[in-house]
C-alpha atoms as a PDB file:
ATOM      1  CA  MET A   1     -12.764  34.146 -12.829  1.00  0.00           C
ATOM      2  CA  ASP A   2     -13.214  31.957 -15.890  1.00  0.00           C
ATOM      3  CA  PRO A   3     -16.719  30.353 -15.910  1.00  0.00           C
ATOM      4  CA  LYS A   4     -15.247  26.842 -16.186  1.00  0.00           C
ATOM      5  CA  MET A   5     -12.962  27.494 -13.231  1.00  0.00           C
ATOM      6  CA  THR A   6     -15.879  28.872 -11.229  1.00  0.00           C
ATOM      7  CA  GLU A   7     -17.987  25.779 -11.912  1.00  0.00           C
ATOM      8  CA  VAL A   8     -15.198  23.358 -10.960  1.00  0.00           C
ATOM      9  CA  THR A   9     -14.309  25.362  -7.841  1.00  0.00           C
ATOM     10  CA  GLN A  10     -17.898  25.342  -6.644  1.00  0.00           C
ATOM     11  CA  MET A  11     -18.255  21.621  -7.339  1.00  0.00           C
ATOM     12  CA  PHE A  12     -15.003  20.949  -5.475  1.00  0.00           C
ATOM     13  CA  ALA A  13     -16.336  22.894  -2.499  1.00  0.00           C
ATOM     14  CA  ARG A  14     -19.388  20.594  -2.487  1.00  0.00           C
ATOM     15  CA  PHE A  15     -17.052  17.590  -2.634  1.00  0.00           C
ATOM     16  CA  LYS A  16     -15.088  18.808   0.416  1.00  0.00           C
ATOM     17  CA  ALA A  17     -18.315  19.498   2.300  1.00  0.00           C
ATOM     18  CA  ALA A  18     -19.533  15.951   1.551  1.00  0.00           C
ATOM     19  CA  TYR A  19     -16.192  14.542   2.706  1.00  0.00           C
ATOM     20  CA  ALA A  20     -16.388  16.530   5.934  1.00  0.00           C
ATOM     21  CA  ARG A  21     -19.780  15.007   6.752  1.00  0.00           C
ATOM     22  CA  ASN A  22     -18.507  11.541   5.701  1.00  0.00           C
ATOM     23  CA  ASP A  23     -20.939  11.248   2.778  1.00  0.00           C
ATOM     24  CA  LEU A  24     -18.664   9.020   0.728  1.00  0.00           C
ATOM     25  CA  ASP A  25     -21.251   8.160  -1.937  1.00  0.00           C
ATOM     26  CA  ALA A  26     -21.670  11.864  -2.736  1.00  0.00           C
ATOM     27  CA  CYS A  27     -17.890  12.218  -2.805  1.00  0.00           C
ATOM     28  CA  VAL A  28     -17.520   9.442  -5.383  1.00  0.00           C
ATOM     29  CA  THR A  29     -20.224  10.970  -7.599  1.00  0.00           C
ATOM     30  CA  LEU A  30     -18.793  14.484  -7.384  1.00  0.00           C
ATOM     31  CA  LEU A  31     -15.252  13.243  -7.981  1.00  0.00           C
ATOM     32  CA  SER A  32     -16.296  11.544 -11.222  1.00  0.00           C
ATOM     33  CA  GLN A  33     -17.901  14.788 -12.406  1.00  0.00           C
ATOM     34  CA  LEU A  34     -14.840  16.811 -11.397  1.00  0.00           C
ATOM     35  CA  LYS A  35     -12.522  14.552 -13.390  1.00  0.00           C
ATOM     36  CA  VAL A  36     -14.680  15.032 -16.484  1.00  0.00           C
ATOM     37  CA  HIS A  37     -14.551  18.819 -16.080  1.00  0.00           C
ATOM     38  CA  LEU A  38     -10.760  18.745 -15.666  1.00  0.00           C
ATOM     39  CA  THR A  39     -10.378  17.234 -19.140  1.00  0.00           C
ATOM     40  CA  LYS A  40     -11.549  20.584 -20.542  1.00  0.00           C
ATOM     41  CA  PHE A  41      -8.557  22.472 -19.087  1.00  0.00           C
ATOM     42  CA  PRO A  42      -5.827  22.624 -21.784  1.00  0.00           C
ATOM     43  CA  SER A  43      -3.139  23.600 -19.271  1.00  0.00           C
ATOM     44  CA  LEU A  44      -3.209  20.231 -17.499  1.00  0.00           C
ATOM     45  CA  PRO A  45      -1.011  17.201 -18.245  1.00  0.00           C
ATOM     46  CA  PRO A  46      -0.050  15.945 -20.722  1.00  0.00           C
ATOM     47  CA  SER A  47      -0.453  19.038 -22.932  1.00  0.00           C
ATOM     48  CA  PHE A  48       0.621  21.714 -20.400  1.00  0.00           C
ATOM     49  CA  GLN A  49      -0.565  24.514 -22.693  1.00  0.00           C
ATOM     50  CA  GLN A  50       0.283  28.009 -21.497  1.00  0.00           C
ATOM     51  CA  THR A  51      -3.062  29.676 -20.889  1.00  0.00           C
ATOM     52  CA  PRO A  52      -3.998  32.753 -18.846  1.00  0.00           C
ATOM     53  CA  ASN A  53      -5.427  30.518 -16.097  1.00  0.00           C
ATOM     54  CA  ALA A  54      -2.750  27.806 -16.244  1.00  0.00           C
ATOM     55  CA  VAL A  55      -1.400  28.277 -12.717  1.00  0.00           C
ATOM     56  CA  GLU A  56      -4.849  28.327 -11.105  1.00  0.00           C
ATOM     57  CA  GLU A  57      -6.004  25.341 -13.154  1.00  0.00           C
ATOM     58  CA  LEU A  58      -2.929  23.281 -12.257  1.00  0.00           C
ATOM     59  CA  LYS A  59      -3.235  24.073  -8.557  1.00  0.00           C
ATOM     60  CA  LEU A  60      -6.941  23.262  -8.528  1.00  0.00           C
ATOM     61  CA  ALA A  61      -6.461  19.987 -10.419  1.00  0.00           C
ATOM     62  CA  ARG A  62      -3.624  18.936  -8.119  1.00  0.00           C
ATOM     63  CA  ASP A  63      -5.788  19.661  -5.084  1.00  0.00           C
ATOM     64  CA  ILE A  64      -8.629  17.592  -6.527  1.00  0.00           C
ATOM     65  CA  TYR A  65      -6.406  14.588  -7.250  1.00  0.00           C
ATOM     66  CA  GLU A  66      -4.838  14.804  -3.791  1.00  0.00           C
ATOM     67  CA  HIS A  67      -8.317  14.605  -2.288  1.00  0.00           C
ATOM     68  CA  ALA A  68      -9.085  11.708  -4.654  1.00  0.00           C
ATOM     69  CA  VAL A  69      -6.109   9.754  -3.299  1.00  0.00           C
ATOM     70  CA  VAL A  70      -7.180  10.392   0.294  1.00  0.00           C
ATOM     71  CA  LEU A  71     -10.749   9.372  -0.562  1.00  0.00           C
ATOM     72  CA  SER A  72      -9.519   6.076  -2.033  1.00  0.00           C
ATOM     73  CA  VAL A  73      -7.812   5.316   1.293  1.00  0.00           C
ATOM     74  CA  LYS A  74     -11.020   6.179   3.135  1.00  0.00           C
ATOM     75  CA  LEU A  75     -12.866   3.774   0.829  1.00  0.00           C
ATOM     76  CA  GLU A  76     -10.096   1.162   1.284  1.00  0.00           C
ATOM     77  CA  ASP A  77      -9.900   0.874  -2.511  1.00  0.00           C
ATOM     78  CA  GLN A  78      -6.317   0.131  -3.543  1.00  0.00           C
ATOM     79  CA  ASP A  79      -7.112   0.048  -7.266  1.00  0.00           C
ATOM     80  CA  ALA A  80      -8.624   3.542  -7.084  1.00  0.00           C
ATOM     81  CA  PHE A  81      -5.583   4.695  -5.106  1.00  0.00           C
ATOM     82  CA  GLU A  82      -3.250   3.511  -7.860  1.00  0.00           C
ATOM     83  CA  ARG A  83      -5.303   5.186 -10.605  1.00  0.00           C
ATOM     84  CA  ASP A  84      -5.622   8.483  -8.746  1.00  0.00           C
ATOM     85  CA  PHE A  85      -1.968   8.520  -7.722  1.00  0.00           C
ATOM     86  CA  CYS A  86      -0.899   7.979 -11.355  1.00  0.00           C
ATOM     87  CA  GLN A  87      -3.024  10.971 -12.352  1.00  0.00           C
ATOM     88  CA  LEU A  88      -1.598  13.056  -9.520  1.00  0.00           C
ATOM     89  CA  LYS A  89       2.075  12.177  -9.991  1.00  0.00           C
ATOM     90  CA  PRO A  90       2.723  14.504 -12.983  1.00  0.00           C
ATOM     91  CA  TYR A  91       1.672  17.464 -10.837  1.00  0.00           C
ATOM     92  CA  TYR A  92       4.543  16.609  -8.477  1.00  0.00           C
ATOM     93  CA  MET A  93       7.156  15.665 -11.068  1.00  0.00           C
ATOM     94  CA  ASP A  94       6.449  17.947 -14.058  1.00  0.00           C
ATOM     95  CA  THR A  95       5.179  21.251 -12.643  1.00  0.00           C
ATOM     96  CA  CYS A  96       8.304  22.449 -10.796  1.00  0.00           C
ATOM     97  CA  GLY A  97       8.701  26.166 -11.452  1.00  0.00           C
ATOM     98  CA  ILE A  98       5.097  26.493 -12.638  1.00  0.00           C
ATOM     99  CA  ILE A  99       3.199  26.119  -9.354  1.00  0.00           C
ATOM    100  CA  PRO A 100       4.509  26.096  -5.766  1.00  0.00           C
ATOM    101  CA  PRO A 101       5.027  22.716  -4.036  1.00  0.00           C
ATOM    102  CA  SER A 102       2.069  21.183  -2.264  1.00  0.00           C
ATOM    103  CA  PRO A 103       2.279  20.589   1.500  1.00  0.00           C
ATOM    104  CA  GLU A 104       0.611  17.224   0.852  1.00  0.00           C
ATOM    105  CA  GLU A 105       3.252  16.053  -1.643  1.00  0.00           C
ATOM    106  CA  TYR A 106       5.561  14.116   0.676  1.00  0.00           C
ATOM    107  CA  PRO A 107       2.765  12.638   2.824  1.00  0.00           C
ATOM    108  CA  ILE A 108       1.123  11.264  -0.341  1.00  0.00           C
ATOM    109  CA  LEU A 109       4.414  10.079  -1.859  1.00  0.00           C
ATOM    110  CA  GLY A 110       5.172   8.312   1.414  1.00  0.00           C
ATOM    111  CA  LEU A 111       1.692   6.821   1.401  1.00  0.00           C
ATOM    112  CA  ASN A 112       2.326   5.411  -2.070  1.00  0.00           C
ATOM    113  CA  LEU A 113       5.616   3.874  -0.879  1.00  0.00           C
ATOM    114  CA  LEU A 114       3.721   2.249   1.975  1.00  0.00           C
ATOM    115  CA  ARG A 115       1.133   0.869  -0.467  1.00  0.00           C
ATOM    116  CA  LEU A 116       3.873  -0.698  -2.603  1.00  0.00           C
ATOM    117  CA  LEU A 117       5.395  -2.249   0.510  1.00  0.00           C
ATOM    118  CA  VAL A 118       2.044  -3.693   1.585  1.00  0.00           C
ATOM    119  CA  GLN A 119       1.587  -5.172  -1.902  1.00  0.00           C
ATOM    120  CA  ASN A 120       5.136  -6.599  -1.760  1.00  0.00           C
ATOM    121  CA  ARG A 121       6.143  -4.619  -4.870  1.00  0.00           C
ATOM    122  CA  ILE A 122       9.644  -4.032  -3.567  1.00  0.00           C
ATOM    123  CA  ALA A 123      11.290  -3.296  -6.933  1.00  0.00           C
ATOM    124  CA  GLU A 124       8.734  -0.556  -7.642  1.00  0.00           C
ATOM    125  CA  PHE A 125       9.209   0.729  -4.084  1.00  0.00           C
ATOM    126  CA  HIS A 126      12.893   1.329  -4.757  1.00  0.00           C
ATOM    127  CA  THR A 127      12.213   2.786  -8.207  1.00  0.00           C
ATOM    128  CA  GLU A 128       9.854   5.371  -6.717  1.00  0.00           C
ATOM    129  CA  LEU A 129      12.341   6.079  -3.934  1.00  0.00           C
ATOM    130  CA  GLU A 130      15.127   6.781  -6.416  1.00  0.00           C
ATOM    131  CA  LEU A 131      12.968   9.391  -8.170  1.00  0.00           C
ATOM    132  CA  LEU A 132      12.769  11.502  -5.007  1.00  0.00           C
ATOM    133  CA  PRO A 133      15.232  14.315  -4.267  1.00  0.00           C
ATOM    134  CA  VAL A 134      17.706  13.760  -1.433  1.00  0.00           C
ATOM    135  CA  LYS A 135      15.924  16.266   0.810  1.00  0.00           C
ATOM    136  CA  ALA A 136      12.741  14.179   0.595  1.00  0.00           C
ATOM    137  CA  LEU A 137      14.441  11.361   2.511  1.00  0.00           C
ATOM    138  CA  GLU A 138      14.474  13.572   5.606  1.00  0.00           C
ATOM    139  CA  HIS A 139      10.722  14.094   5.588  1.00  0.00           C
ATOM    140  CA  PRO A 140       9.023  12.079   8.378  1.00  0.00           C
ATOM    141  CA  CYS A 141       6.549  10.451   5.967  1.00  0.00           C
ATOM    142  CA  ILE A 142       9.259   9.250   3.584  1.00  0.00           C
ATOM    143  CA  LYS A 143      11.543   8.151   6.437  1.00  0.00           C
ATOM    144  CA  HIS A 144       8.669   6.182   7.939  1.00  0.00           C
ATOM    145  CA  ALA A 145       8.190   4.170   4.732  1.00  0.00           C
ATOM    146  CA  VAL A 146      11.943   3.608   4.251  1.00  0.00           C
ATOM    147  CA  GLU A 147      12.448   2.416   7.831  1.00  0.00           C
ATOM    148  CA  LEU A 148       9.464   0.085   7.518  1.00  0.00           C
ATOM    149  CA  GLU A 149      10.903  -1.456   4.359  1.00  0.00           C
ATOM    150  CA  GLN A 150      14.275  -1.985   6.065  1.00  0.00           C
ATOM    151  CA  SER A 151      12.632  -3.585   9.096  1.00  0.00           C
ATOM    152  CA  PHE A 152      10.480  -5.797   6.875  1.00  0.00           C
ATOM    153  CA  MET A 153      13.474  -6.977   4.813  1.00  0.00           C
ATOM    154  CA  GLU A 154      15.504  -7.637   7.973  1.00  0.00           C
ATOM    155  CA  GLY A 155      12.669  -9.667   9.464  1.00  0.00           C
ATOM    156  CA  ALA A 156      12.393  -7.238  12.386  1.00  0.00           C
ATOM    157  CA  TYR A 157       8.649  -7.726  12.518  1.00  0.00           C
ATOM    158  CA  ASN A 158       8.333  -6.297  16.017  1.00  0.00           C
ATOM    159  CA  ARG A 159       9.524  -2.924  14.698  1.00  0.00           C
ATOM    160  CA  VAL A 160       7.013  -3.108  11.850  1.00  0.00           C
ATOM    161  CA  LEU A 161       4.107  -3.748  14.216  1.00  0.00           C
ATOM    162  CA  SER A 162       5.189  -1.153  16.759  1.00  0.00           C
ATOM    163  CA  ALA A 163       5.395   1.456  13.972  1.00  0.00           C
ATOM    164  CA  ARG A 164       1.579   1.245  13.769  1.00  0.00           C
ATOM    165  CA  GLN A 165       1.456   3.299  16.953  1.00  0.00           C
ATOM    166  CA  ALA A 166       3.546   6.143  15.501  1.00  0.00           C
ATOM    167  CA  VAL A 167       2.197   6.822  12.020  1.00  0.00           C
ATOM    168  CA  PRO A 168       3.296  10.239  10.681  1.00  0.00           C
ATOM    169  CA  HIS A 169      -0.063  10.915   9.013  1.00  0.00           C
ATOM    170  CA  GLU A 170      -3.611   9.760   9.757  1.00  0.00           C
ATOM    171  CA  THR A 171      -4.087   8.364   6.246  1.00  0.00           C
ATOM    172  CA  TYR A 172      -1.313   5.823   6.913  1.00  0.00           C
ATOM    173  CA  VAL A 173      -3.398   3.801   9.388  1.00  0.00           C
ATOM    174  CA  TYR A 174      -5.216   1.760   6.707  1.00  0.00           C
ATOM    175  CA  PHE A 175      -2.036   0.514   5.018  1.00  0.00           C
ATOM    176  CA  MET A 176      -0.298   0.008   8.365  1.00  0.00           C
ATOM    177  CA  ASP A 177      -3.138  -2.296   9.431  1.00  0.00           C
ATOM    178  CA  LEU A 178      -2.733  -4.262   6.194  1.00  0.00           C
ATOM    179  CA  LEU A 179       1.013  -4.466   6.725  1.00  0.00           C
ATOM    180  CA  ALA A 180       0.512  -5.633  10.313  1.00  0.00           C
ATOM    181  CA  LYS A 181      -1.733  -8.435   9.052  1.00  0.00           C
ATOM    182  CA  THR A 182       0.864  -9.411   6.432  1.00  0.00           C
ATOM    183  CA  VAL A 183       3.545  -9.553   9.119  1.00  0.00           C
ATOM    184  CA  ARG A 184       1.394 -11.619  11.500  1.00  0.00           C
ATOM    185  CA  ASP A 185       0.518 -14.047   8.711  1.00  0.00           C
ATOM    186  CA  GLU A 186       4.231 -14.428   7.940  1.00  0.00           C
ATOM    187  CA  ILE A 187       5.041 -15.097  11.610  1.00  0.00           C
ATOM    188  CA  ALA A 188       2.117 -17.504  11.868  1.00  0.00           C
ATOM    189  CA  GLY A 189       3.296 -19.465   8.829  1.00  0.00           C
ATOM    190  CA  CYS A 190       6.814 -19.770  10.258  1.00  0.00           C
ATOM    191  CA  SER A 191       5.465 -20.761  13.671  1.00  0.00           C
ATOM    192  CA  GLU A 192       3.378 -23.665  12.449  1.00  0.00           C
ATOM    193  CA  LYS A 193       6.322 -24.971  10.417  1.00  0.00           C
ATOM    194  CA  GLY A 194       8.866 -24.560  13.208  1.00  0.00           C
ATOM    195  CA  TYR A 195       6.865 -25.785  16.211  1.00  0.00           C
ATOM    196  CA  ASP A 196       4.439 -28.560  17.055  1.00  0.00           C
ATOM    197  CA  SER A 197       2.894 -26.316  19.693  1.00  0.00           C
ATOM    198  CA  LEU A 198       3.372 -23.113  21.651  1.00  0.00           C
ATOM    199  CA  SER A 199       1.983 -21.970  24.957  1.00  0.00           C
ATOM    200  CA  VAL A 200      -0.748 -19.356  24.632  1.00  0.00           C
ATOM    201  CA  SER A 201       1.581 -16.896  26.338  1.00  0.00           C
ATOM    202  CA  ASP A 202       4.405 -17.543  23.868  1.00  0.00           C
ATOM    203  CA  ALA A 203       2.065 -17.458  20.873  1.00  0.00           C
ATOM    204  CA  LYS A 204       0.602 -14.173  22.053  1.00  0.00           C
ATOM    205  CA  GLN A 205       4.080 -12.715  22.461  1.00  0.00           C
ATOM    206  CA  MET A 206       5.321 -14.043  19.123  1.00  0.00           C
ATOM    207  CA  LEU A 207       2.305 -12.712  17.223  1.00  0.00           C
ATOM    208  CA  MET A 208       2.457  -9.501  19.268  1.00  0.00           C
ATOM    209  CA  PHE A 209      -1.084  -9.431  20.609  1.00  0.00           C
ATOM    210  CA  ASN A 210      -1.974  -7.539  23.769  1.00  0.00           C
ATOM    211  CA  SER A 211      -4.520 -10.010  25.113  1.00  0.00           C
ATOM    212  CA  ASP A 212      -5.529 -13.660  24.971  1.00  0.00           C
ATOM    213  CA  GLN A 213      -8.832 -12.600  23.415  1.00  0.00           C
ATOM    214  CA  ASP A 214      -7.064 -10.922  20.484  1.00  0.00           C
ATOM    215  CA  LEU A 215      -5.050 -14.104  19.931  1.00  0.00           C
ATOM    216  CA  HIS A 216      -8.176 -16.288  20.078  1.00  0.00           C
ATOM    217  CA  GLU A 217      -9.996 -14.054  17.591  1.00  0.00           C
ATOM    218  CA  TYR A 218      -7.036 -14.115  15.177  1.00  0.00           C
ATOM    219  CA  ILE A 219      -6.803 -17.915  15.318  1.00  0.00           C
ATOM    220  CA  SER A 220     -10.573 -18.293  14.908  1.00  0.00           C
ATOM    221  CA  GLU A 221     -10.662 -16.029  11.848  1.00  0.00           C
ATOM    222  CA  GLU A 222      -7.344 -16.789  10.141  1.00  0.00           C
ATOM    223  CA  HIS A 223      -6.218 -20.242  11.350  1.00  0.00           C
ATOM    224  CA  PRO A 224      -9.217 -22.343  12.424  1.00  0.00           C
ATOM    225  CA  GLU A 225      -7.076 -25.448  11.835  1.00  0.00           C
ATOM    226  CA  TRP A 226      -4.999 -24.570  14.922  1.00  0.00           C
ATOM    227  CA  GLU A 227      -6.131 -26.088  18.215  1.00  0.00           C
ATOM    228  CA  ILE A 228      -6.162 -24.301  21.558  1.00  0.00           C
ATOM    229  CA  LYS A 229      -6.282 -26.613  24.560  1.00  0.00           C
ATOM    230  CA  ASN A 230      -4.657 -26.925  27.978  1.00  0.00           C
ATOM    231  CA  GLY A 231      -3.169 -23.437  27.679  1.00  0.00           C
ATOM    232  CA  ALA A 232      -1.338 -24.156  24.424  1.00  0.00           C
ATOM    233  CA  VAL A 233      -1.749 -23.692  20.675  1.00  0.00           C
ATOM    234  CA  PHE A 234      -1.223 -26.873  18.632  1.00  0.00           C
ATOM    235  CA  PHE A 235      -0.242 -26.783  14.954  1.00  0.00           C
ATOM    236  CA  GLN A 236      -0.340 -30.515  14.197  1.00  0.00           C
ATOM    237  CA  LYS A 237      -3.630 -30.387  12.268  1.00  0.00           C
ATOM    238  CA  ALA A 238      -2.268 -27.581  10.086  1.00  0.00           C
ATOM    239  CA  LYS A 239       0.757 -29.709   9.216  1.00  0.00           C
ATOM    240  CA  GLU A 240      -1.368 -32.756   8.464  1.00  0.00           C
ATOM    241  CA  SER A 241      -3.649 -30.744   6.178  1.00  0.00           C
ATOM    242  CA  GLN A 242      -0.737 -29.502   4.073  1.00  0.00           C
ATOM    243  CA  PRO A 243      -0.125 -31.693   1.013  1.00  0.00           C
ATOM    244  CA  CYS A 244       3.239 -33.415   0.855  1.00  0.00           C
ATOM    245  CA  LYS A 245       5.076 -32.266  -2.228  1.00  0.00           C
ATOM    246  CA  GLU A 246       7.359 -34.860  -3.801  1.00  0.00           C
ATOM    247  CA  ILE A 247      10.244 -33.800  -5.993  1.00  0.00           C
ATOM    248  CA  PRO A 248       9.754 -35.333  -9.461  1.00  0.00           C
ATOM    249  CA  SER A 249      13.369 -36.557  -9.561  1.00  0.00           C
ATOM    250  CA  LEU A 250      12.968 -38.991 -12.467  1.00  0.00           C
ATOM    251  CA  GLN A 251      11.285 -36.340 -14.601  1.00  0.00           C
ATOM    252  CA  LEU A 252      14.045 -33.839 -13.814  1.00  0.00           C
ATOM    253  CA  ILE A 253      16.759 -36.355 -14.728  1.00  0.00           C
ATOM    254  CA  ASN A 254      15.086 -37.126 -18.076  1.00  0.00           C
ATOM    255  CA  GLN A 255      14.718 -33.399 -18.842  1.00  0.00           C
ATOM    256  CA  THR A 256      18.367 -32.753 -17.983  1.00  0.00           C
ATOM    257  CA  LEU A 257      19.555 -35.603 -20.217  1.00  0.00           C
ATOM    258  CA  SER A 258      17.333 -34.316 -23.009  1.00  0.00           C
ATOM    259  CA  TYR A 259      18.827 -30.819 -22.708  1.00  0.00           C
ATOM    260  CA  ALA A 260      22.341 -32.318 -22.762  1.00  0.00           C
ATOM    261  CA  ARG A 261      21.608 -34.223 -25.988  1.00  0.00           C
ATOM    262  CA  GLU A 262      20.207 -31.066 -27.605  1.00  0.00           C
ATOM    263  CA  LEU A 263      23.319 -29.124 -26.607  1.00  0.00           C
ATOM    264  CA  GLU A 264      25.560 -31.814 -28.205  1.00  0.00           C
ATOM    265  CA  ARG A 265      23.643 -31.438 -31.457  1.00  0.00           C
ATOM    266  CA  ILE A 266      24.024 -27.660 -31.402  1.00  0.00           C
ATOM    267  CA  VAL A 267      27.782 -27.923 -30.770  1.00  0.00           C
END
């Protein structure tokens, strides 16, 4: 084996061993070193030079970046996820016919779709979806993300929250928890605008908590302005604390008249 390949392979083995024992600091250090070593392989993107070790180098690099993406989820670092996924993506899109498909391809592509959904980047979600082959839509990880997006857009928040219990891959739990919080915050915002108060039982059901304690903890951490008394949740203080926004009607009228005068001059 090429000496460079041997060095990177051995370092990658140390990375996987550190990951297995949950030594995340060692993983981060080793990953940085691995990325530096990968820059010395001419067969990797964007050059894709045909070298005697091209296939092995591409497979090894893809494996490293796949582990980097998973590590970023473990670290709950969305910025690192985006960087590592961008580095990994060419190995999925541009190496067809050079190296065999990775079994982790669709789980990671689905994970990226879920990240975009959590970040409310819906246009990019659909752009990434359109780049996938038709057969990919049948994969459980891709279907999971697509169904979540449909439920989210339809306002079927109960389906979004219940999907947390049936994730197709263990790495999805982090983003599903973020999505669940986004959904609960959305429901909470609508509740305090639509009601003066709700019974604790109704609030628990609406926010889809399993116990009164979970509801109390959520209110304490996220909405301390809500009041819980006599078996009910009161939103009046939240409404009073919100500034009243007046429509600057006179300013809008003056601007409209000004635009009309400018248009007459142009004509």
